[in-house]
PDB file of N, CA and C in Angstrom:
ATOM      1  N   UNK A   1      -5.093  22.700  14.990  1.00  0.00           N
ATOM      2  CA  UNK A   1      -3.788  22.548  14.368  1.00  0.00           C
ATOM      3  C   UNK A   1      -2.906  21.793  15.356  1.00  0.00           C
ATOM      4  N   UNK A   2      -2.179  20.827  14.859  1.00  0.00           N
ATOM      5  CA  UNK A   2      -1.299  20.101  15.762  1.00  0.00           C
ATOM      6  C   UNK A   2       0.080  20.773  15.803  1.00  0.00           C
ATOM      7  N   UNK A   3       0.886  20.349  16.773  1.00  0.00           N
ATOM      8  CA  UNK A   3       2.166  21.027  16.970  1.00  0.00           C
ATOM      9  C   UNK A   3       3.093  20.890  15.776  1.00  0.00           C
ATOM     10  N   UNK A   4       3.048  19.768  15.048  1.00  0.00           N
ATOM     11  CA  UNK A   4       3.917  19.599  13.875  1.00  0.00           C
ATOM     12  C   UNK A   4       3.698  20.718  12.867  1.00  0.00           C
ATOM     13  N   UNK A   5       2.457  21.158  12.724  1.00  0.00           N
ATOM     14  CA  UNK A   5       2.167  22.247  11.793  1.00  0.00           C
ATOM     15  C   UNK A   5       2.714  23.572  12.306  1.00  0.00           C
ATOM     16  N   UNK A   6       2.628  23.794  13.604  1.00  0.00           N
ATOM     17  CA  UNK A   6       3.194  25.015  14.184  1.00  0.00           C
ATOM     18  C   UNK A   6       4.712  25.002  14.005  1.00  0.00           C
ATOM     19  N   UNK A   7       5.314  23.854  14.304  1.00  0.00           N
ATOM     20  CA  UNK A   7       6.770  23.732  14.181  1.00  0.00           C
ATOM     21  C   UNK A   7       7.213  23.978  12.745  1.00  0.00           C
ATOM     22  N   UNK A   8       6.435  23.492  11.778  1.00  0.00           N
ATOM     23  CA  UNK A   8       6.776  23.675  10.375  1.00  0.00           C
ATOM     24  C   UNK A   8       6.703  25.124   9.921  1.00  0.00           C
ATOM     25  N   UNK A   9       5.937  25.939  10.643  1.00  0.00           N
ATOM     26  CA  UNK A   9       5.793  27.360  10.311  1.00  0.00           C
ATOM     27  C   UNK A   9       6.340  28.224  11.446  1.00  0.00           C
ATOM     28  N   UNK A  10       7.407  27.771  12.079  1.00  0.00           N
ATOM     29  CA  UNK A  10       7.883  28.427  13.285  1.00  0.00           C
ATOM     30  C   UNK A  10       8.245  29.883  13.081  1.00  0.00           C
ATOM     31  N   UNK A  11       8.803  30.247  11.944  1.00  0.00           N
ATOM     32  CA  UNK A  11       9.168  31.665  11.749  1.00  0.00           C
ATOM     33  C   UNK A  11       7.938  32.554  11.879  1.00  0.00           C
ATOM     34  N   UNK A  12       6.823  32.129  11.294  1.00  0.00           N
ATOM     35  CA  UNK A  12       5.586  32.899  11.416  1.00  0.00           C
ATOM     36  C   UNK A  12       4.992  32.749  12.822  1.00  0.00           C
ATOM     37  N   UNK A  13       5.010  31.533  13.335  1.00  0.00           N
ATOM     38  CA  UNK A  13       4.419  31.260  14.653  1.00  0.00           C
ATOM     39  C   UNK A  13       5.173  31.965  15.766  1.00  0.00           C
ATOM     40  N   UNK A  14       6.476  32.154  15.599  1.00  0.00           N
ATOM     41  CA  UNK A  14       7.261  32.776  16.671  1.00  0.00           C
ATOM     42  C   UNK A  14       6.813  34.220  16.922  1.00  0.00           C
ATOM     43  N   UNK A  15       6.336  34.896  15.903  1.00  0.00           N
ATOM     44  CA  UNK A  15       5.808  36.244  16.100  1.00  0.00           C
ATOM     45  C   UNK A  15       4.577  36.228  16.989  1.00  0.00           C
ATOM     46  N   UNK A  16       3.695  35.262  16.737  1.00  0.00           N
ATOM     47  CA  UNK A  16       2.501  35.113  17.574  1.00  0.00           C
ATOM     48  C   UNK A  16       2.887  34.685  18.987  1.00  0.00           C
ATOM     49  N   UNK A  17       3.902  33.820  19.091  1.00  0.00           N
ATOM     50  CA  UNK A  17       4.373  33.380  20.411  1.00  0.00           C
ATOM     51  C   UNK A  17       4.927  34.569  21.190  1.00  0.00           C
ATOM     52  N   UNK A  18       5.626  35.449  20.508  1.00  0.00           N
ATOM     53  CA  UNK A  18       6.194  36.646  21.148  1.00  0.00           C
ATOM     54  C   UNK A  18       5.064  37.550  21.665  1.00  0.00           C
ATOM     55  N   UNK A  19       3.972  37.646  20.891  1.00  0.00           N
ATOM     56  CA  UNK A  19       2.820  38.434  21.338  1.00  0.00           C
ATOM     57  C   UNK A  19       2.201  37.823  22.597  1.00  0.00           C
ATOM     58  N   UNK A  20       2.076  36.503  22.603  1.00  0.00           N
ATOM     59  CA  UNK A  20       1.440  35.816  23.731  1.00  0.00           C
ATOM     60  C   UNK A  20       2.331  35.804  24.962  1.00  0.00           C
ATOM     61  N   UNK A  21       3.610  35.518  24.774  1.00  0.00           N
ATOM     62  CA  UNK A  21       4.555  35.424  25.887  1.00  0.00           C
ATOM     63  C   UNK A  21       5.630  36.485  25.702  1.00  0.00           C
ATOM     64  N   UNK A  22       5.320  37.700  26.054  1.00  0.00           N
ATOM     65  CA  UNK A  22       6.217  38.835  25.849  1.00  0.00           C
ATOM     66  C   UNK A  22       7.541  38.754  26.586  1.00  0.00           C
ATOM     67  N   UNK A  23       7.611  37.907  27.610  1.00  0.00           N
ATOM     68  CA  UNK A  23       8.874  37.768  28.345  1.00  0.00           C
ATOM     69  C   UNK A  23       9.882  36.907  27.598  1.00  0.00           C
ATOM     70  N   UNK A  24       9.449  36.216  26.549  1.00  0.00           N
ATOM     71  CA  UNK A  24      10.389  35.432  25.745  1.00  0.00           C
ATOM     72  C   UNK A  24      11.167  36.382  24.841  1.00  0.00           C
ATOM     73  N   UNK A  25      12.458  36.212  24.804  1.00  0.00           N
ATOM     74  CA  UNK A  25      13.298  37.069  23.970  1.00  0.00           C
ATOM     75  C   UNK A  25      13.372  36.510  22.551  1.00  0.00           C
ATOM     76  N   UNK A  26      13.854  37.334  21.639  1.00  0.00           N
ATOM     77  CA  UNK A  26      14.063  36.858  20.268  1.00  0.00           C
ATOM     78  C   UNK A  26      15.051  35.691  20.259  1.00  0.00           C
ATOM     79  N   UNK A  27      16.055  35.772  21.128  1.00  0.00           N
ATOM     80  CA  UNK A  27      17.034  34.690  21.239  1.00  0.00           C
ATOM     81  C   UNK A  27      16.366  33.403  21.730  1.00  0.00           C
ATOM     82  N   UNK A  28      15.468  33.533  22.719  1.00  0.00           N
ATOM     83  CA  UNK A  28      14.713  32.362  23.190  1.00  0.00           C
ATOM     84  C   UNK A  28      13.976  31.708  22.035  1.00  0.00           C
ATOM     85  N   UNK A  29      13.255  32.512  21.283  1.00  0.00           N
ATOM     86  CA  UNK A  29      12.437  31.990  20.190  1.00  0.00           C
ATOM     87  C   UNK A  29      13.294  31.335  19.114  1.00  0.00           C
ATOM     88  N   UNK A  30      14.444  31.918  18.851  1.00  0.00           N
ATOM     89  CA  UNK A  30      15.348  31.345  17.860  1.00  0.00           C
ATOM     90  C   UNK A  30      15.884  29.997  18.349  1.00  0.00           C
ATOM     91  N   UNK A  31      16.261  29.931  19.614  1.00  0.00           N
ATOM     92  CA  UNK A  31      16.787  28.676  20.181  1.00  0.00           C
ATOM     93  C   UNK A  31      15.718  27.599  20.272  1.00  0.00           C
ATOM     94  N   UNK A  32      14.495  27.993  20.568  1.00  0.00           N
ATOM     95  CA  UNK A  32      13.382  27.050  20.660  1.00  0.00           C
ATOM     96  C   UNK A  32      13.176  26.365  19.321  1.00  0.00           C
ATOM     97  N   UNK A  33      13.276  27.146  18.259  1.00  0.00           N
ATOM     98  CA  UNK A  33      13.238  26.626  16.897  1.00  0.00           C
ATOM     99  C   UNK A  33      12.044  25.713  16.633  1.00  0.00           C
ATOM    100  N   UNK A  34      10.918  26.042  17.262  1.00  0.00           N
ATOM    101  CA  UNK A  34       9.698  25.277  17.030  1.00  0.00           C
ATOM    102  C   UNK A  34       9.553  24.020  17.867  1.00  0.00           C
ATOM    103  N   UNK A  35      10.482  23.751  18.744  1.00  0.00           N
ATOM    104  CA  UNK A  35      10.422  22.545  19.580  1.00  0.00           C
ATOM    105  C   UNK A  35       9.498  22.791  20.771  1.00  0.00           C
ATOM    106  N   UNK A  36       8.428  22.021  20.841  1.00  0.00           N
ATOM    107  CA  UNK A  36       7.400  22.191  21.866  1.00  0.00           C
ATOM    108  C   UNK A  36       7.970  22.101  23.274  1.00  0.00           C
ATOM    109  N   UNK A  37       8.780  21.082  23.547  1.00  0.00           N
ATOM    110  CA  UNK A  37       9.311  20.901  24.899  1.00  0.00           C
ATOM    111  C   UNK A  37      10.221  22.055  25.312  1.00  0.00           C
ATOM    112  N   UNK A  38      10.953  22.614  24.357  1.00  0.00           N
ATOM    113  CA  UNK A  38      11.817  23.759  24.679  1.00  0.00           C
ATOM    114  C   UNK A  38      10.983  25.005  24.951  1.00  0.00           C
ATOM    115  N   UNK A  39       9.904  25.187  24.206  1.00  0.00           N
ATOM    116  CA  UNK A  39       9.009  26.322  24.446  1.00  0.00           C
ATOM    117  C   UNK A  39       8.403  26.214  25.842  1.00  0.00           C
ATOM    118  N   UNK A  40       7.951  25.026  26.197  1.00  0.00           N
ATOM    119  CA  UNK A  40       7.372  24.814  27.526  1.00  0.00           C
ATOM    120  C   UNK A  40       8.398  25.156  28.610  1.00  0.00           C
ATOM    121  N   UNK A  41       9.626  24.688  28.442  1.00  0.00           N
ATOM    122  CA  UNK A  41      10.675  24.976  29.419  1.00  0.00           C
ATOM    123  C   UNK A  41      10.963  26.451  29.568  1.00  0.00           C
ATOM    124  N   UNK A  42      11.020  27.160  28.442  1.00  0.00           N
ATOM    125  CA  UNK A  42      11.300  28.611  28.498  1.00  0.00           C
ATOM    126  C   UNK A  42      10.157  29.364  29.167  1.00  0.00           C
ATOM    127  N   UNK A  43       8.930  28.954  28.865  1.00  0.00           N
ATOM    128  CA  UNK A  43       7.776  29.612  29.500  1.00  0.00           C
ATOM    129  C   UNK A  43       7.822  29.386  31.011  1.00  0.00           C
ATOM    130  N   UNK A  44       8.146  28.165  31.422  1.00  0.00           N
ATOM    131  CA  UNK A  44       8.287  27.871  32.855  1.00  0.00           C
ATOM    132  C   UNK A  44       9.315  28.794  33.496  1.00  0.00           C
ATOM    133  N   UNK A  45      10.478  28.908  32.853  1.00  0.00           N
ATOM    134  CA  UNK A  45      11.559  29.741  33.393  1.00  0.00           C
ATOM    135  C   UNK A  45      11.164  31.207  33.480  1.00  0.00           C
ATOM    136  N   UNK A  46      10.678  31.746  32.374  1.00  0.00           N
ATOM    137  CA  UNK A  46      10.397  33.184  32.302  1.00  0.00           C
ATOM    138  C   UNK A  46       9.226  33.611  33.184  1.00  0.00           C
ATOM    139  N   UNK A  47       8.216  32.726  33.305  1.00  0.00           N
ATOM    140  CA  UNK A  47       7.011  33.098  34.040  1.00  0.00           C
ATOM    141  C   UNK A  47       6.909  32.450  35.410  1.00  0.00           C
ATOM    142  N   UNK A  48       7.828  31.532  35.740  1.00  0.00           N
ATOM    143  CA  UNK A  48       7.810  30.893  37.049  1.00  0.00           C
ATOM    144  C   UNK A  48       6.553  30.082  37.302  1.00  0.00           C
ATOM    145  N   UNK A  49       6.118  29.342  36.288  1.00  0.00           N
ATOM    146  CA  UNK A  49       4.898  28.548  36.425  1.00  0.00           C
ATOM    147  C   UNK A  49       5.225  27.056  36.338  1.00  0.00           C
ATOM    148  N   UNK A  50       4.268  26.241  36.739  1.00  0.00           N
ATOM    149  CA  UNK A  50       4.433  24.789  36.711  1.00  0.00           C
ATOM    150  C   UNK A  50       4.421  24.280  35.269  1.00  0.00           C
ATOM    151  N   UNK A  51       5.047  23.138  35.074  1.00  0.00           N
ATOM    152  CA  UNK A  51       5.118  22.536  33.742  1.00  0.00           C
ATOM    153  C   UNK A  51       3.725  22.311  33.167  1.00  0.00           C
ATOM    154  N   UNK A  52       2.799  21.849  33.984  1.00  0.00           N
ATOM    155  CA  UNK A  52       1.437  21.575  33.516  1.00  0.00           C
ATOM    156  C   UNK A  52       0.769  22.846  32.991  1.00  0.00           C
ATOM    157  N   UNK A  53       0.989  23.967  33.676  1.00  0.00           N
ATOM    158  CA  UNK A  53       0.409  25.242  33.230  1.00  0.00           C
ATOM    159  C   UNK A  53       1.027  25.673  31.905  1.00  0.00           C
ATOM    160  N   UNK A  54       2.334  25.522  31.788  1.00  0.00           N
ATOM    161  CA  UNK A  54       3.014  25.880  30.538  1.00  0.00           C
ATOM    162  C   UNK A  54       2.535  24.985  29.397  1.00  0.00           C
ATOM    163  N   UNK A  55       2.379  23.692  29.662  1.00  0.00           N
ATOM    164  CA  UNK A  55       1.877  22.777  28.631  1.00  0.00           C
ATOM    165  C   UNK A  55       0.480  23.173  28.182  1.00  0.00           C
ATOM    166  N   UNK A  56      -0.365  23.536  29.140  1.00  0.00           N
ATOM    167  CA  UNK A  56      -1.734  23.949  28.818  1.00  0.00           C
ATOM    168  C   UNK A  56      -1.727  25.196  27.926  1.00  0.00           C
ATOM    169  N   UNK A  57      -0.863  26.142  28.246  1.00  0.00           N
ATOM    170  CA  UNK A  57      -0.771  27.359  27.442  1.00  0.00           C
ATOM    171  C   UNK A  57      -0.283  27.056  26.022  1.00  0.00           C
ATOM    172  N   UNK A  58       0.715  26.188  25.914  1.00  0.00           N
ATOM    173  CA  UNK A  58       1.258  25.832  24.600  1.00  0.00           C
ATOM    174  C   UNK A  58       0.218  25.072  23.785  1.00  0.00           C
ATOM    175  N   UNK A  59      -0.523  24.174  24.427  1.00  0.00           N
ATOM    176  CA  UNK A  59      -1.575  23.441  23.720  1.00  0.00           C
ATOM    177  C   UNK A  59      -2.652  24.397  23.210  1.00  0.00           C
ATOM    178  N   UNK A  60      -3.024  25.355  24.048  1.00  0.00           N
ATOM    179  CA  UNK A  60      -4.011  26.354  23.631  1.00  0.00           C
ATOM    180  C   UNK A  60      -3.472  27.182  22.453  1.00  0.00           C
ATOM    181  N   UNK A  61      -2.204  27.559  22.545  1.00  0.00           N
ATOM    182  CA  UNK A  61      -1.570  28.315  21.472  1.00  0.00           C
ATOM    183  C   UNK A  61      -1.610  27.534  20.157  1.00  0.00           C
ATOM    184  N   UNK A  62      -1.297  26.236  20.216  1.00  0.00           N
ATOM    185  CA  UNK A  62      -1.273  25.448  18.986  1.00  0.00           C
ATOM    186  C   UNK A  62      -2.670  25.295  18.393  1.00  0.00           C
ATOM    187  N   UNK A  63      -3.692  25.265  19.253  1.00  0.00           N
ATOM    188  CA  UNK A  63      -5.075  25.196  18.747  1.00  0.00           C
ATOM    189  C   UNK A  63      -5.506  26.511  18.120  1.00  0.00           C
ATOM    190  N   UNK A  64      -5.175  27.624  18.762  1.00  0.00           N
ATOM    191  CA  UNK A  64      -5.648  28.914  18.274  1.00  0.00           C
ATOM    192  C   UNK A  64      -4.767  29.507  17.183  1.00  0.00           C
ATOM    193  N   UNK A  65      -3.520  29.061  17.072  1.00  0.00           N
ATOM    194  CA  UNK A  65      -2.625  29.613  16.049  1.00  0.00           C
ATOM    195  C   UNK A  65      -3.212  29.426  14.656  1.00  0.00           C
ATOM    196  N   UNK A  66      -3.652  28.241  14.318  1.00  0.00           N
ATOM    197  CA  UNK A  66      -4.235  27.974  13.011  1.00  0.00           C
ATOM    198  C   UNK A  66      -5.522  28.737  12.801  1.00  0.00           C
ATOM    199  N   UNK A  67      -6.309  28.875  13.855  1.00  0.00           N
ATOM    200  CA  UNK A  67      -7.568  29.597  13.782  1.00  0.00           C
ATOM    201  C   UNK A  67      -7.322  31.067  13.489  1.00  0.00           C
ATOM    202  N   UNK A  68      -6.379  31.667  14.204  1.00  0.00           N
ATOM    203  CA  UNK A  68      -6.052  33.082  13.982  1.00  0.00           C
ATOM    204  C   UNK A  68      -5.589  33.306  12.550  1.00  0.00           C
ATOM    205  N   UNK A  69      -4.754  32.399  12.047  1.00  0.00           N
ATOM    206  CA  UNK A  69      -4.230  32.528  10.695  1.00  0.00           C
ATOM    207  C   UNK A  69      -5.356  32.425   9.668  1.00  0.00           C
ATOM    208  N   UNK A  70      -6.290  31.492   9.882  1.00  0.00           N
ATOM    209  CA  UNK A  70      -7.418  31.310   8.971  1.00  0.00           C
ATOM    210  C   UNK A  70      -8.290  32.551   8.958  1.00  0.00           C
ATOM    211  N   UNK A  71      -8.559  33.103  10.134  1.00  0.00           N
ATOM    212  CA  UNK A  71      -9.383  34.311  10.219  1.00  0.00           C
ATOM    213  C   UNK A  71      -8.700  35.454   9.484  1.00  0.00           C
ATOM    214  N   UNK A  72      -7.404  35.619   9.655  1.00  0.00           N
ATOM    215  CA  UNK A  72      -6.661  36.686   8.992  1.00  0.00           C
ATOM    216  C   UNK A  72      -6.751  36.536   7.474  1.00  0.00           C
ATOM    217  N   UNK A  73      -6.528  35.318   6.966  1.00  0.00           N
ATOM    218  CA  UNK A  73      -6.609  35.096   5.522  1.00  0.00           C
ATOM    219  C   UNK A  73      -8.019  35.344   4.998  1.00  0.00           C
ATOM    220  N   UNK A  74      -9.032  34.961   5.764  1.00  0.00           N
ATOM    221  CA  UNK A  74     -10.414  35.171   5.340  1.00  0.00           C
ATOM    222  C   UNK A  74     -10.708  36.663   5.252  1.00  0.00           C
ATOM    223  N   UNK A  75     -10.215  37.452   6.196  1.00  0.00           N
ATOM    224  CA  UNK A  75     -10.423  38.899   6.165  1.00  0.00           C
ATOM    225  C   UNK A  75      -9.737  39.511   4.949  1.00  0.00           C
ATOM    226  N   UNK A  76      -8.541  39.080   4.647  1.00  0.00           N
ATOM    227  CA  UNK A  76      -7.808  39.603   3.494  1.00  0.00           C
ATOM    228  C   UNK A  76      -8.557  39.286   2.220  1.00  0.00           C
ATOM    229  N   UNK A  77      -9.040  38.046   2.086  1.00  0.00           N
ATOM    230  CA  UNK A  77      -9.790  37.667   0.883  1.00  0.00           C
ATOM    231  C   UNK A  77     -11.065  38.479   0.748  1.00  0.00           C
ATOM    232  N   UNK A  78     -11.779  38.690   1.854  1.00  0.00           N
ATOM    233  CA  UNK A  78     -13.054  39.399   1.765  1.00  0.00           C
ATOM    234  C   UNK A  78     -12.843  40.883   1.448  1.00  0.00           C
ATOM    235  N   UNK A  79     -11.771  41.481   1.887  1.00  0.00           N
ATOM    236  CA  UNK A  79     -11.522  42.888   1.594  1.00  0.00           C
ATOM    237  C   UNK A  79     -10.959  43.089   0.197  1.00  0.00           C
ATOM    238  N   UNK A  80     -10.309  42.067  -0.349  1.00  0.00           N
ATOM    239  CA  UNK A  80      -9.737  42.237  -1.679  1.00  0.00           C
ATOM    240  C   UNK A  80     -10.728  41.873  -2.783  1.00  0.00           C
ATOM    241  N   UNK A  81     -11.910  41.396  -2.416  1.00  0.00           N
ATOM    242  CA  UNK A  81     -12.917  41.013  -3.416  1.00  0.00           C
ATOM    243  C   UNK A  81     -13.632  42.217  -3.970  1.00  0.00           C
TER     244      UNK A  81
END
């Protein structure tokens, strides 16, 4: 999944982001508003890590976010059959 898709579903994605980066506040997530560069900056601030590390984490998040969602929907479909 590319970042544009995550940004388009930010309300749902922000919950997953909160799970992954627990130091981000609800206010942080609201201000980020799905903007990749702002998320990277907040992760750097909250966790005291280098920009490259934050970018790597965000890229991984964007790849796995769609996968997690697909797995969840597949489980729901299989249990409701």
